[in-house]
Amino acid sequence: MLAERQGERLPGWLDAVRQDDLPSLPTLAAGIDRGRDAVIAGLTLHGSPGTVEGHANRIKMPKRRMFGRAGFSLLRKRVLLAS
């Protein structure tokens, strides 16, 4: 379903999960059901949030590295020099 982008198979998979005896799987199915349209779109459409995630990571990483060790002025210089 994931590799072949077959999101239309999700409802059948969820039904099979609900009928299984494992205790945590119905909870997983209920969580997926709450965002069913988004999950099906993610399994079907060809798109990636990679570019946006890369930019967010580029901005947040220096902040995480310097948290508690340096002031805002040093953080500002590092961000400006990195861009």
N, C-alpha and C. Protein backbone atom coordinates (compact mmCIF):
# COMPACT_ATOMS: atom_id res chain seq x y z
N MET A 1 0.83 -1.18 0.00
CA MET A 1 0.00 0.00 0.00
C MET A 1 0.88 1.25 0.00
N LEU A 2 1.96 1.26 0.77
CA LEU A 2 2.83 2.44 0.83
C LEU A 2 3.68 2.57 -0.42
N ALA A 3 4.37 1.52 -0.79
CA ALA A 3 5.32 1.60 -1.90
C ALA A 3 4.63 1.79 -3.24
N GLU A 4 3.44 1.25 -3.37
CA GLU A 4 2.73 1.32 -4.65
C GLU A 4 1.69 2.42 -4.69
N ARG A 5 1.65 3.25 -3.64
CA ARG A 5 0.71 4.38 -3.56
C ARG A 5 -0.73 3.94 -3.82
N GLN A 6 -1.20 2.99 -3.02
CA GLN A 6 -2.56 2.48 -3.17
C GLN A 6 -3.39 2.84 -1.95
N GLY A 7 -3.64 4.11 -1.77
CA GLY A 7 -4.40 4.61 -0.63
C GLY A 7 -5.83 4.12 -0.59
N GLU A 8 -6.37 3.72 -1.74
CA GLU A 8 -7.75 3.24 -1.78
C GLU A 8 -7.92 1.91 -1.04
N ARG A 9 -6.83 1.24 -0.73
CA ARG A 9 -6.88 -0.02 0.02
C ARG A 9 -6.94 0.19 1.53
N LEU A 10 -6.81 1.42 1.98
CA LEU A 10 -6.78 1.71 3.41
C LEU A 10 -8.04 1.28 4.16
N PRO A 11 -9.26 1.57 3.67
CA PRO A 11 -10.45 1.15 4.42
C PRO A 11 -10.51 -0.37 4.67
N GLY A 12 -10.14 -1.16 3.69
CA GLY A 12 -10.11 -2.61 3.87
C GLY A 12 -9.08 -3.04 4.89
N TRP A 13 -7.92 -2.37 4.87
CA TRP A 13 -6.87 -2.68 5.83
C TRP A 13 -7.32 -2.33 7.24
N LEU A 14 -8.00 -1.19 7.39
CA LEU A 14 -8.49 -0.78 8.71
C LEU A 14 -9.52 -1.77 9.25
N ASP A 15 -10.39 -2.27 8.37
CA ASP A 15 -11.37 -3.28 8.80
C ASP A 15 -10.67 -4.55 9.27
N ALA A 16 -9.64 -4.97 8.55
CA ALA A 16 -8.90 -6.17 8.95
C ALA A 16 -8.18 -5.95 10.28
N VAL A 17 -7.68 -4.76 10.51
CA VAL A 17 -6.99 -4.45 11.77
C VAL A 17 -7.97 -4.50 12.94
N ARG A 18 -9.17 -3.97 12.73
CA ARG A 18 -10.16 -3.97 13.80
C ARG A 18 -10.59 -5.39 14.19
N GLN A 19 -10.54 -6.32 13.26
CA GLN A 19 -10.95 -7.69 13.53
C GLN A 19 -9.83 -8.51 14.16
N ASP A 20 -8.63 -7.99 14.20
CA ASP A 20 -7.50 -8.72 14.77
C ASP A 20 -7.58 -8.72 16.29
N ASP A 21 -6.89 -9.66 16.92
CA ASP A 21 -6.94 -9.81 18.38
C ASP A 21 -5.90 -9.00 19.13
N LEU A 22 -4.98 -8.37 18.44
CA LEU A 22 -3.94 -7.60 19.13
C LEU A 22 -4.55 -6.36 19.78
N PRO A 23 -4.23 -6.09 21.05
CA PRO A 23 -4.93 -5.03 21.78
C PRO A 23 -4.66 -3.61 21.31
N SER A 24 -3.49 -3.31 20.79
CA SER A 24 -3.19 -1.92 20.44
C SER A 24 -3.60 -1.56 19.01
N LEU A 25 -3.89 -2.52 18.17
CA LEU A 25 -4.22 -2.20 16.78
C LEU A 25 -5.54 -1.46 16.60
N PRO A 26 -6.60 -1.79 17.33
CA PRO A 26 -7.82 -0.98 17.18
C PRO A 26 -7.62 0.49 17.53
N THR A 27 -6.75 0.78 18.49
CA THR A 27 -6.45 2.16 18.84
C THR A 27 -5.74 2.86 17.68
N LEU A 28 -4.81 2.14 17.04
CA LEU A 28 -4.14 2.68 15.86
C LEU A 28 -5.14 2.96 14.75
N ALA A 29 -6.04 2.01 14.51
CA ALA A 29 -7.05 2.19 13.47
C ALA A 29 -7.95 3.38 13.76
N ALA A 30 -8.32 3.58 15.03
CA ALA A 30 -9.16 4.72 15.39
C ALA A 30 -8.43 6.03 15.14
N GLY A 31 -7.13 6.08 15.44
CA GLY A 31 -6.35 7.28 15.18
C GLY A 31 -6.24 7.59 13.69
N ILE A 32 -6.05 6.56 12.90
CA ILE A 32 -5.97 6.75 11.44
C ILE A 32 -7.32 7.19 10.90
N ASP A 33 -8.40 6.65 11.47
CA ASP A 33 -9.74 7.02 11.03
C ASP A 33 -10.04 8.50 11.24
N ARG A 34 -9.50 9.08 12.30
CA ARG A 34 -9.75 10.51 12.56
C ARG A 34 -9.20 11.39 11.43
N GLY A 35 -8.13 10.97 10.81
CA GLY A 35 -7.56 11.75 9.71
C GLY A 35 -7.55 10.95 8.42
N ARG A 36 -8.61 10.19 8.19
CA ARG A 36 -8.65 9.25 7.06
C ARG A 36 -8.37 9.93 5.72
N ASP A 37 -9.01 11.06 5.45
CA ASP A 37 -8.80 11.73 4.15
C ASP A 37 -7.35 12.13 3.96
N ALA A 38 -6.73 12.66 5.00
CA ALA A 38 -5.33 13.07 4.90
C ALA A 38 -4.41 11.86 4.72
N VAL A 39 -4.71 10.76 5.41
CA VAL A 39 -3.88 9.56 5.29
C VAL A 39 -4.01 8.99 3.89
N ILE A 40 -5.22 8.92 3.35
CA ILE A 40 -5.41 8.41 1.99
C ILE A 40 -4.69 9.30 0.99
N ALA A 41 -4.77 10.61 1.17
CA ALA A 41 -4.06 11.53 0.27
C ALA A 41 -2.56 11.31 0.37
N GLY A 42 -2.05 11.11 1.57
CA GLY A 42 -0.62 10.87 1.74
C GLY A 42 -0.17 9.57 1.11
N LEU A 43 -1.04 8.58 1.11
CA LEU A 43 -0.71 7.29 0.51
C LEU A 43 -0.88 7.29 -1.00
N THR A 44 -1.62 8.25 -1.54
CA THR A 44 -1.97 8.24 -2.96
C THR A 44 -1.21 9.28 -3.77
N LEU A 45 -1.13 10.50 -3.27
CA LEU A 45 -0.57 11.60 -4.05
C LEU A 45 0.95 11.58 -4.07
N HIS A 46 1.51 12.11 -5.13
CA HIS A 46 2.96 12.20 -5.28
C HIS A 46 3.40 13.59 -4.82
N GLY A 47 3.85 13.71 -3.63
CA GLY A 47 4.31 14.98 -3.10
C GLY A 47 5.16 14.72 -1.88
N SER A 48 5.94 15.71 -1.53
CA SER A 48 6.81 15.54 -0.37
C SER A 48 6.97 16.87 0.34
N PRO A 49 6.88 16.89 1.66
CA PRO A 49 7.12 18.11 2.42
C PRO A 49 8.61 18.31 2.72
N GLY A 50 9.47 17.61 2.01
CA GLY A 50 10.90 17.62 2.30
C GLY A 50 11.54 19.00 2.25
N THR A 51 11.17 19.81 1.27
CA THR A 51 11.76 21.14 1.13
C THR A 51 11.40 22.02 2.32
N VAL A 52 10.14 22.01 2.70
CA VAL A 52 9.70 22.82 3.83
C VAL A 52 10.37 22.34 5.11
N GLU A 53 10.42 21.02 5.30
CA GLU A 53 11.05 20.47 6.50
C GLU A 53 12.54 20.82 6.54
N GLY A 54 13.18 20.83 5.39
CA GLY A 54 14.59 21.18 5.35
C GLY A 54 14.85 22.61 5.78
N HIS A 55 13.97 23.53 5.33
CA HIS A 55 14.12 24.93 5.72
C HIS A 55 13.87 25.10 7.22
N ALA A 56 12.85 24.44 7.74
CA ALA A 56 12.56 24.54 9.17
C ALA A 56 13.73 23.99 9.99
N ASN A 57 14.30 22.88 9.55
CA ASN A 57 15.43 22.29 10.25
C ASN A 57 16.65 23.22 10.20
N ARG A 58 16.89 23.84 9.06
CA ARG A 58 18.02 24.75 8.90
C ARG A 58 17.91 25.94 9.85
N ILE A 59 16.69 26.40 10.08
CA ILE A 59 16.48 27.54 10.97
C ILE A 59 16.58 27.12 12.45
N LYS A 60 16.03 25.96 12.79
CA LYS A 60 15.95 25.56 14.19
C LYS A 60 17.22 24.92 14.73
N MET A 61 18.02 24.33 13.88
CA MET A 61 19.19 23.60 14.36
C MET A 61 20.19 24.50 15.12
N PRO A 62 20.56 25.67 14.61
CA PRO A 62 21.48 26.51 15.39
C PRO A 62 20.89 26.93 16.73
N LYS A 63 19.59 27.16 16.76
CA LYS A 63 18.94 27.54 18.01
C LYS A 63 19.05 26.40 19.02
N ARG A 64 18.81 25.18 18.57
CA ARG A 64 18.90 24.03 19.47
C ARG A 64 20.33 23.83 19.98
N ARG A 65 21.29 24.01 19.10
CA ARG A 65 22.70 23.81 19.48
C ARG A 65 23.14 24.81 20.54
N MET A 66 22.63 26.03 20.45
CA MET A 66 23.12 27.09 21.32
C MET A 66 22.21 27.36 22.50
N PHE A 67 21.14 26.63 22.67
CA PHE A 67 20.19 26.89 23.74
C PHE A 67 20.88 26.84 25.10
N GLY A 68 20.77 27.91 25.84
CA GLY A 68 21.34 27.96 27.17
C GLY A 68 22.82 28.28 27.21
N ARG A 69 23.50 28.39 26.07
CA ARG A 69 24.95 28.60 26.07
C ARG A 69 25.35 29.99 25.61
N ALA A 70 24.51 30.63 24.84
CA ALA A 70 24.90 31.93 24.29
C ALA A 70 23.69 32.85 24.24
N GLY A 71 23.94 34.10 24.10
CA GLY A 71 22.87 35.07 24.04
C GLY A 71 22.29 35.20 22.64
N PHE A 72 21.28 36.03 22.55
CA PHE A 72 20.60 36.24 21.29
C PHE A 72 21.53 36.85 20.23
N SER A 73 22.43 37.71 20.62
CA SER A 73 23.30 38.36 19.64
C SER A 73 24.18 37.35 18.91
N LEU A 74 24.73 36.36 19.61
CA LEU A 74 25.54 35.34 18.96
C LEU A 74 24.68 34.46 18.06
N LEU A 75 23.50 34.11 18.52
CA LEU A 75 22.59 33.32 17.70
C LEU A 75 22.23 34.07 16.42
N ARG A 76 21.97 35.36 16.53
CA ARG A 76 21.63 36.18 15.37
C ARG A 76 22.78 36.19 14.37
N LYS A 77 24.02 36.36 14.86
CA LYS A 77 25.17 36.36 13.97
C LYS A 77 25.33 35.03 13.23
N ARG A 78 25.13 33.94 13.95
CA ARG A 78 25.29 32.62 13.32
C ARG A 78 24.23 32.40 12.25
N VAL A 79 23.00 32.82 12.51
CA VAL A 79 21.93 32.65 11.53
C VAL A 79 22.21 33.52 10.29
N LEU A 80 22.65 34.76 10.50
CA LEU A 80 22.92 35.65 9.37
C LEU A 80 24.10 35.16 8.56
N LEU A 81 25.12 34.64 9.20
CA LEU A 81 26.30 34.14 8.48
C LEU A 81 25.98 32.85 7.73
N ALA A 82 25.05 32.07 8.22
CA ALA A 82 24.72 30.80 7.57
C ALA A 82 23.92 31.03 6.29
N SER A 83 23.23 32.16 6.18
CA SER A 83 22.40 32.38 4.99
C SER A 83 23.10 33.12 3.90
